């Protein structure tokens, strides 16, 4: 059975969509590496310290309602 078929059944599409939005919001909040989200994502995949930087930027946001949040 292909993984693609499993993604299209049940609540999987909505769940994966939510995870993608959270990941994109986290990438947008991280500002120390001024690159595209694709480049940030690739760097985070190769560098665990940078991935932690992205997560920290998401968690320690100033909680300003006008900004995108990771929630």
PDB file of N, CA and C in Angstrom:
ATOM      1  N   UNK A   1       0.841  -1.170   0.000  1.00  0.00           N
ATOM      2  CA  UNK A   1       0.000   0.000   0.000  1.00  0.00           C
ATOM      3  C   UNK A   1       0.895   1.245   0.000  1.00  0.00           C
ATOM      4  N   UNK A   2       0.564   2.176  -0.859  1.00  0.00           N
ATOM      5  CA  UNK A   2       1.343   3.405  -0.956  1.00  0.00           C
ATOM      6  C   UNK A   2       0.976   4.372   0.157  1.00  0.00           C
ATOM      7  N   UNK A   3       1.959   5.153   0.566  1.00  0.00           N
ATOM      8  CA  UNK A   3       1.731   6.135   1.623  1.00  0.00           C
ATOM      9  C   UNK A   3       0.768   7.221   1.148  1.00  0.00           C
ATOM     10  N   UNK A   4       0.801   7.557  -0.119  1.00  0.00           N
ATOM     11  CA  UNK A   4      -0.065   8.594  -0.652  1.00  0.00           C
ATOM     12  C   UNK A   4      -1.534   8.253  -0.433  1.00  0.00           C
ATOM     13  N   UNK A   5      -1.885   6.995  -0.564  1.00  0.00           N
ATOM     14  CA  UNK A   5      -3.265   6.583  -0.363  1.00  0.00           C
ATOM     15  C   UNK A   5      -3.681   6.780   1.090  1.00  0.00           C
ATOM     16  N   UNK A   6      -2.781   6.555   2.030  1.00  0.00           N
ATOM     17  CA  UNK A   6      -3.110   6.722   3.438  1.00  0.00           C
ATOM     18  C   UNK A   6      -3.304   8.192   3.797  1.00  0.00           C
ATOM     19  N   UNK A   7      -2.608   9.072   3.111  1.00  0.00           N
ATOM     20  CA  UNK A   7      -2.710  10.499   3.397  1.00  0.00           C
ATOM     21  C   UNK A   7      -4.062  11.046   2.963  1.00  0.00           C
ATOM     22  N   UNK A   8      -4.708  10.414   2.053  1.00  0.00           N
ATOM     23  CA  UNK A   8      -5.973  10.917   1.513  1.00  0.00           C
ATOM     24  C   UNK A   8      -7.206  10.374   2.228  1.00  0.00           C
ATOM     25  N   UNK A   9      -7.020   9.564   3.255  1.00  0.00           N
ATOM     26  CA  UNK A   9      -8.175   8.949   3.910  1.00  0.00           C
ATOM     27  C   UNK A   9      -8.381   9.519   5.310  1.00  0.00           C
ATOM     28  N   UNK A  10      -9.609   9.491   5.760  1.00  0.00           N
ATOM     29  CA  UNK A  10      -9.940   9.902   7.119  1.00  0.00           C
ATOM     30  C   UNK A  10      -9.611  11.360   7.387  1.00  0.00           C
ATOM     31  N   UNK A  11      -9.020  11.593   8.555  1.00  0.00           N
ATOM     32  CA  UNK A  11      -8.664  12.945   8.975  1.00  0.00           C
ATOM     33  C   UNK A  11      -7.235  13.304   8.607  1.00  0.00           C
ATOM     34  N   UNK A  12      -6.538  12.432   7.926  1.00  0.00           N
ATOM     35  CA  UNK A  12      -5.131  12.664   7.596  1.00  0.00           C
ATOM     36  C   UNK A  12      -4.898  13.948   6.806  1.00  0.00           C
ATOM     37  N   UNK A  13      -5.696  14.292   5.799  1.00  0.00           N
ATOM     38  CA  UNK A  13      -5.437  15.535   5.059  1.00  0.00           C
ATOM     39  C   UNK A  13      -5.490  16.779   5.943  1.00  0.00           C
ATOM     40  N   UNK A  14      -6.482  16.848   6.825  1.00  0.00           N
ATOM     41  CA  UNK A  14      -6.587  18.003   7.713  1.00  0.00           C
ATOM     42  C   UNK A  14      -5.436  18.039   8.715  1.00  0.00           C
ATOM     43  N   UNK A  15      -5.061  16.870   9.242  1.00  0.00           N
ATOM     44  CA  UNK A  15      -3.972  16.813  10.214  1.00  0.00           C
ATOM     45  C   UNK A  15      -2.643  17.236   9.590  1.00  0.00           C
ATOM     46  N   UNK A  16      -2.364  16.746   8.391  1.00  0.00           N
ATOM     47  CA  UNK A  16      -1.122  17.110   7.730  1.00  0.00           C
ATOM     48  C   UNK A  16      -1.116  18.580   7.326  1.00  0.00           C
ATOM     49  N   UNK A  17      -2.262  19.100   6.945  1.00  0.00           N
ATOM     50  CA  UNK A  17      -2.372  20.520   6.613  1.00  0.00           C
ATOM     51  C   UNK A  17      -2.051  21.378   7.832  1.00  0.00           C
ATOM     52  N   UNK A  18      -2.558  20.995   8.981  1.00  0.00           N
ATOM     53  CA  UNK A  18      -2.280  21.727  10.217  1.00  0.00           C
ATOM     54  C   UNK A  18      -0.794  21.688  10.552  1.00  0.00           C
ATOM     55  N   UNK A  19      -0.175  20.524  10.428  1.00  0.00           N
ATOM     56  CA  UNK A  19       1.260  20.409  10.703  1.00  0.00           C
ATOM     57  C   UNK A  19       2.085  21.258   9.737  1.00  0.00           C
ATOM     58  N   UNK A  20       1.693  21.296   8.468  1.00  0.00           N
ATOM     59  CA  UNK A  20       2.404  22.134   7.496  1.00  0.00           C
ATOM     60  C   UNK A  20       2.308  23.606   7.855  1.00  0.00           C
ATOM     61  N   UNK A  21       1.115  24.052   8.259  1.00  0.00           N
ATOM     62  CA  UNK A  21       0.945  25.461   8.642  1.00  0.00           C
ATOM     63  C   UNK A  21       1.762  25.814   9.874  1.00  0.00           C
ATOM     64  N   UNK A  22       1.810  24.917  10.844  1.00  0.00           N
ATOM     65  CA  UNK A  22       2.618  25.159  12.046  1.00  0.00           C
ATOM     66  C   UNK A  22       4.086  25.277  11.668  1.00  0.00           C
ATOM     67  N   UNK A  23       4.556  24.378  10.802  1.00  0.00           N
ATOM     68  CA  UNK A  23       5.960  24.406  10.380  1.00  0.00           C
ATOM     69  C   UNK A  23       6.278  25.692   9.620  1.00  0.00           C
ATOM     70  N   UNK A  24       5.402  26.112   8.727  1.00  0.00           N
ATOM     71  CA  UNK A  24       5.638  27.349   7.978  1.00  0.00           C
ATOM     72  C   UNK A  24       5.621  28.572   8.881  1.00  0.00           C
ATOM     73  N   UNK A  25       4.725  28.597   9.850  1.00  0.00           N
ATOM     74  CA  UNK A  25       4.695  29.716  10.794  1.00  0.00           C
ATOM     75  C   UNK A  25       5.979  29.766  11.607  1.00  0.00           C
ATOM     76  N   UNK A  26       6.479  28.606  12.025  1.00  0.00           N
ATOM     77  CA  UNK A  26       7.728  28.567  12.781  1.00  0.00           C
ATOM     78  C   UNK A  26       8.880  29.069  11.927  1.00  0.00           C
ATOM     79  N   UNK A  27       8.925  28.674  10.661  1.00  0.00           N
ATOM     80  CA  UNK A  27       9.988  29.150   9.767  1.00  0.00           C
ATOM     81  C   UNK A  27       9.889  30.661   9.563  1.00  0.00           C
ATOM     82  N   UNK A  28       8.695  31.187   9.470  1.00  0.00           N
ATOM     83  CA  UNK A  28       8.518  32.629   9.284  1.00  0.00           C
ATOM     84  C   UNK A  28       8.941  33.427  10.517  1.00  0.00           C
ATOM     85  N   UNK A  29       8.755  32.860  11.704  1.00  0.00           N
ATOM     86  CA  UNK A  29       9.114  33.568  12.928  1.00  0.00           C
ATOM     87  C   UNK A  29      10.621  33.626  13.145  1.00  0.00           C
ATOM     88  N   UNK A  30      11.349  32.664  12.635  1.00  0.00           N
ATOM     89  CA  UNK A  30      12.805  32.622  12.819  1.00  0.00           C
ATOM     90  C   UNK A  30      13.442  33.625  11.866  1.00  0.00           C
ATOM     91  N   UNK A  31      14.150  34.618  12.416  1.00  0.00           N
ATOM     92  CA  UNK A  31      14.674  35.708  11.604  1.00  0.00           C
ATOM     93  C   UNK A  31      16.197  35.793  11.559  1.00  0.00           C
ATOM     94  N   UNK A  32      16.923  34.895  12.225  1.00  0.00           N
ATOM     95  CA  UNK A  32      18.383  35.009  12.242  1.00  0.00           C
ATOM     96  C   UNK A  32      19.010  34.588  10.915  1.00  0.00           C
ATOM     97  N   UNK A  33      18.333  33.757  10.143  1.00  0.00           N
ATOM     98  CA  UNK A  33      18.837  33.258   8.859  1.00  0.00           C
ATOM     99  C   UNK A  33      17.934  33.840   7.777  1.00  0.00           C
ATOM    100  N   UNK A  34      18.361  34.925   7.140  1.00  0.00           N
ATOM    101  CA  UNK A  34      17.531  35.650   6.176  1.00  0.00           C
ATOM    102  C   UNK A  34      17.544  34.943   4.818  1.00  0.00           C
ATOM    103  N   UNK A  35      16.780  33.888   4.718  1.00  0.00           N
ATOM    104  CA  UNK A  35      16.671  33.118   3.482  1.00  0.00           C
ATOM    105  C   UNK A  35      15.209  32.726   3.273  1.00  0.00           C
ATOM    106  N   UNK A  36      14.933  32.049   2.175  1.00  0.00           N
ATOM    107  CA  UNK A  36      13.571  31.595   1.899  1.00  0.00           C
ATOM    108  C   UNK A  36      13.195  30.470   2.862  1.00  0.00           C
ATOM    109  N   UNK A  37      11.898  30.225   2.966  1.00  0.00           N
ATOM    110  CA  UNK A  37      11.437  29.137   3.828  1.00  0.00           C
ATOM    111  C   UNK A  37      11.974  27.789   3.355  1.00  0.00           C
ATOM    112  N   UNK A  38      12.114  27.616   2.063  1.00  0.00           N
ATOM    113  CA  UNK A  38      12.658  26.368   1.537  1.00  0.00           C
ATOM    114  C   UNK A  38      14.106  26.169   1.995  1.00  0.00           C
ATOM    115  N   UNK A  39      14.900  27.236   1.924  1.00  0.00           N
ATOM    116  CA  UNK A  39      16.285  27.139   2.366  1.00  0.00           C
ATOM    117  C   UNK A  39      16.371  26.926   3.873  1.00  0.00           C
ATOM    118  N   UNK A  40      15.501  27.596   4.630  1.00  0.00           N
ATOM    119  CA  UNK A  40      15.471  27.396   6.069  1.00  0.00           C
ATOM    120  C   UNK A  40      15.090  25.953   6.404  1.00  0.00           C
ATOM    121  N   UNK A  41      14.109  25.434   5.691  1.00  0.00           N
ATOM    122  CA  UNK A  41      13.662  24.063   5.927  1.00  0.00           C
ATOM    123  C   UNK A  41      14.770  23.064   5.623  1.00  0.00           C
ATOM    124  N   UNK A  42      15.458  23.260   4.509  1.00  0.00           N
ATOM    125  CA  UNK A  42      16.565  22.356   4.161  1.00  0.00           C
ATOM    126  C   UNK A  42      17.685  22.435   5.187  1.00  0.00           C
ATOM    127  N   UNK A  43      17.993  23.642   5.646  1.00  0.00           N
ATOM    128  CA  UNK A  43      19.051  23.794   6.647  1.00  0.00           C
ATOM    129  C   UNK A  43      18.647  23.128   7.955  1.00  0.00           C
ATOM    130  N   UNK A  44      17.385  23.282   8.353  1.00  0.00           N
ATOM    131  CA  UNK A  44      16.903  22.653   9.587  1.00  0.00           C
ATOM    132  C   UNK A  44      16.948  21.133   9.491  1.00  0.00           C
ATOM    133  N   UNK A  45      16.716  20.599   8.291  1.00  0.00           N
ATOM    134  CA  UNK A  45      16.770  19.149   8.104  1.00  0.00           C
ATOM    135  C   UNK A  45      18.183  18.612   8.275  1.00  0.00           C
ATOM    136  N   UNK A  46      19.192  19.441   7.981  1.00  0.00           N
ATOM    137  CA  UNK A  46      20.585  19.002   8.069  1.00  0.00           C
ATOM    138  C   UNK A  46      21.270  19.417   9.361  1.00  0.00           C
ATOM    139  N   UNK A  47      20.734  20.404  10.053  1.00  0.00           N
ATOM    140  CA  UNK A  47      21.407  20.969  11.217  1.00  0.00           C
ATOM    141  C   UNK A  47      20.444  20.991  12.407  1.00  0.00           C
ATOM    142  N   UNK A  48      20.660  20.097  13.361  1.00  0.00           N
ATOM    143  CA  UNK A  48      19.766  20.013  14.517  1.00  0.00           C
ATOM    144  C   UNK A  48      19.786  21.280  15.358  1.00  0.00           C
ATOM    145  N   UNK A  49      20.921  21.945  15.443  1.00  0.00           N
ATOM    146  CA  UNK A  49      20.991  23.182  16.217  1.00  0.00           C
ATOM    147  C   UNK A  49      20.120  24.267  15.589  1.00  0.00           C
ATOM    148  N   UNK A  50      20.108  24.340  14.268  1.00  0.00           N
ATOM    149  CA  UNK A  50      19.252  25.323  13.603  1.00  0.00           C
ATOM    150  C   UNK A  50      17.773  24.960  13.793  1.00  0.00           C
ATOM    151  N   UNK A  51      17.457  23.677  13.788  1.00  0.00           N
ATOM    152  CA  UNK A  51      16.080  23.253  14.029  1.00  0.00           C
ATOM    153  C   UNK A  51      15.642  23.700  15.429  1.00  0.00           C
ATOM    154  N   UNK A  52      16.524  23.584  16.404  1.00  0.00           N
ATOM    155  CA  UNK A  52      16.207  24.042  17.754  1.00  0.00           C
ATOM    156  C   UNK A  52      16.038  25.561  17.794  1.00  0.00           C
ATOM    157  N   UNK A  53      16.806  26.274  16.965  1.00  0.00           N
ATOM    158  CA  UNK A  53      16.665  27.729  16.874  1.00  0.00           C
ATOM    159  C   UNK A  53      15.283  28.099  16.355  1.00  0.00           C
ATOM    160  N   UNK A  54      14.812  27.370  15.367  1.00  0.00           N
ATOM    161  CA  UNK A  54      13.474  27.613  14.818  1.00  0.00           C
ATOM    162  C   UNK A  54      12.411  27.345  15.871  1.00  0.00           C
ATOM    163  N   UNK A  55      12.544  26.229  16.576  1.00  0.00           N
ATOM    164  CA  UNK A  55      11.567  25.903  17.613  1.00  0.00           C
ATOM    165  C   UNK A  55      11.598  26.925  18.745  1.00  0.00           C
ATOM    166  N   UNK A  56      12.784  27.395  19.108  1.00  0.00           N
ATOM    167  CA  UNK A  56      12.899  28.406  20.157  1.00  0.00           C
ATOM    168  C   UNK A  56      12.247  29.707  19.721  1.00  0.00           C
ATOM    169  N   UNK A  57      12.409  30.089  18.459  1.00  0.00           N
ATOM    170  CA  UNK A  57      11.783  31.309  17.948  1.00  0.00           C
ATOM    171  C   UNK A  57      10.266  31.191  18.026  1.00  0.00           C
ATOM    172  N   UNK A  58       9.771  30.008  17.819  1.00  0.00           N
ATOM    173  CA  UNK A  58       8.330  29.763  17.886  1.00  0.00           C
ATOM    174  C   UNK A  58       7.834  29.817  19.327  1.00  0.00           C
ATOM    175  N   UNK A  59       8.577  29.216  20.235  1.00  0.00           N
ATOM    176  CA  UNK A  59       8.141  29.132  21.619  1.00  0.00           C
ATOM    177  C   UNK A  59       8.302  30.443  22.369  1.00  0.00           C
ATOM    178  N   UNK A  60       9.372  31.173  22.076  1.00  0.00           N
ATOM    179  CA  UNK A  60       9.673  32.374  22.828  1.00  0.00           C
ATOM    180  C   UNK A  60       9.301  33.636  22.063  1.00  0.00           C
ATOM    181  N   UNK A  61       8.251  33.557  21.272  1.00  0.00           N
ATOM    182  CA  UNK A  61       7.728  34.726  20.578  1.00  0.00           C
ATOM    183  C   UNK A  61       7.180  35.695  21.627  1.00  0.00           C
ATOM    184  N   UNK A  62       7.085  36.956  21.277  1.00  0.00           N
ATOM    185  CA  UNK A  62       6.619  37.969  22.220  1.00  0.00           C
ATOM    186  C   UNK A  62       5.123  37.890  22.477  1.00  0.00           C
ATOM    187  N   UNK A  63       4.447  36.921  21.913  1.00  0.00           N
ATOM    188  CA  UNK A  63       3.010  36.720  22.074  1.00  0.00           C
ATOM    189  C   UNK A  63       2.225  37.932  21.606  1.00  0.00           C
ATOM    190  N   UNK A  64       2.736  38.585  20.572  1.00  0.00           N
ATOM    191  CA  UNK A  64       2.043  39.725  19.974  1.00  0.00           C
ATOM    192  C   UNK A  64       0.916  39.178  19.096  1.00  0.00           C
ATOM    193  N   UNK A  65      -0.288  39.634  19.307  1.00  0.00           N
ATOM    194  CA  UNK A  65      -1.449  39.099  18.598  1.00  0.00           C
ATOM    195  C   UNK A  65      -1.385  39.412  17.101  1.00  0.00           C
ATOM    196  N   UNK A  66      -0.630  40.446  16.703  1.00  0.00           N
ATOM    197  CA  UNK A  66      -0.577  40.802  15.289  1.00  0.00           C
ATOM    198  C   UNK A  66       0.362  39.902  14.505  1.00  0.00           C
ATOM    199  N   UNK A  67       1.245  39.164  15.180  1.00  0.00           N
ATOM    200  CA  UNK A  67       2.181  38.278  14.502  1.00  0.00           C
ATOM    201  C   UNK A  67       1.567  36.897  14.315  1.00  0.00           C
ATOM    202  N   UNK A  68       2.096  36.174  13.342  1.00  0.00           N
ATOM    203  CA  UNK A  68       1.691  34.780  13.172  1.00  0.00           C
ATOM    204  C   UNK A  68       2.283  33.990  14.323  1.00  0.00           C
ATOM    205  N   UNK A  69       1.547  33.026  14.820  1.00  0.00           N
ATOM    206  CA  UNK A  69       2.059  32.205  15.914  1.00  0.00           C
ATOM    207  C   UNK A  69       2.151  30.763  15.459  1.00  0.00           C
ATOM    208  N   UNK A  70       2.792  29.964  16.257  1.00  0.00           N
ATOM    209  CA  UNK A  70       2.979  28.554  15.932  1.00  0.00           C
ATOM    210  C   UNK A  70       1.828  27.712  16.439  1.00  0.00           C
ATOM    211  N   UNK A  71       0.791  28.331  16.918  1.00  0.00           N
ATOM    212  CA  UNK A  71      -0.318  27.561  17.493  1.00  0.00           C
ATOM    213  C   UNK A  71      -1.479  27.540  16.555  1.00  0.00           C
TER     214      UNK A  71
END
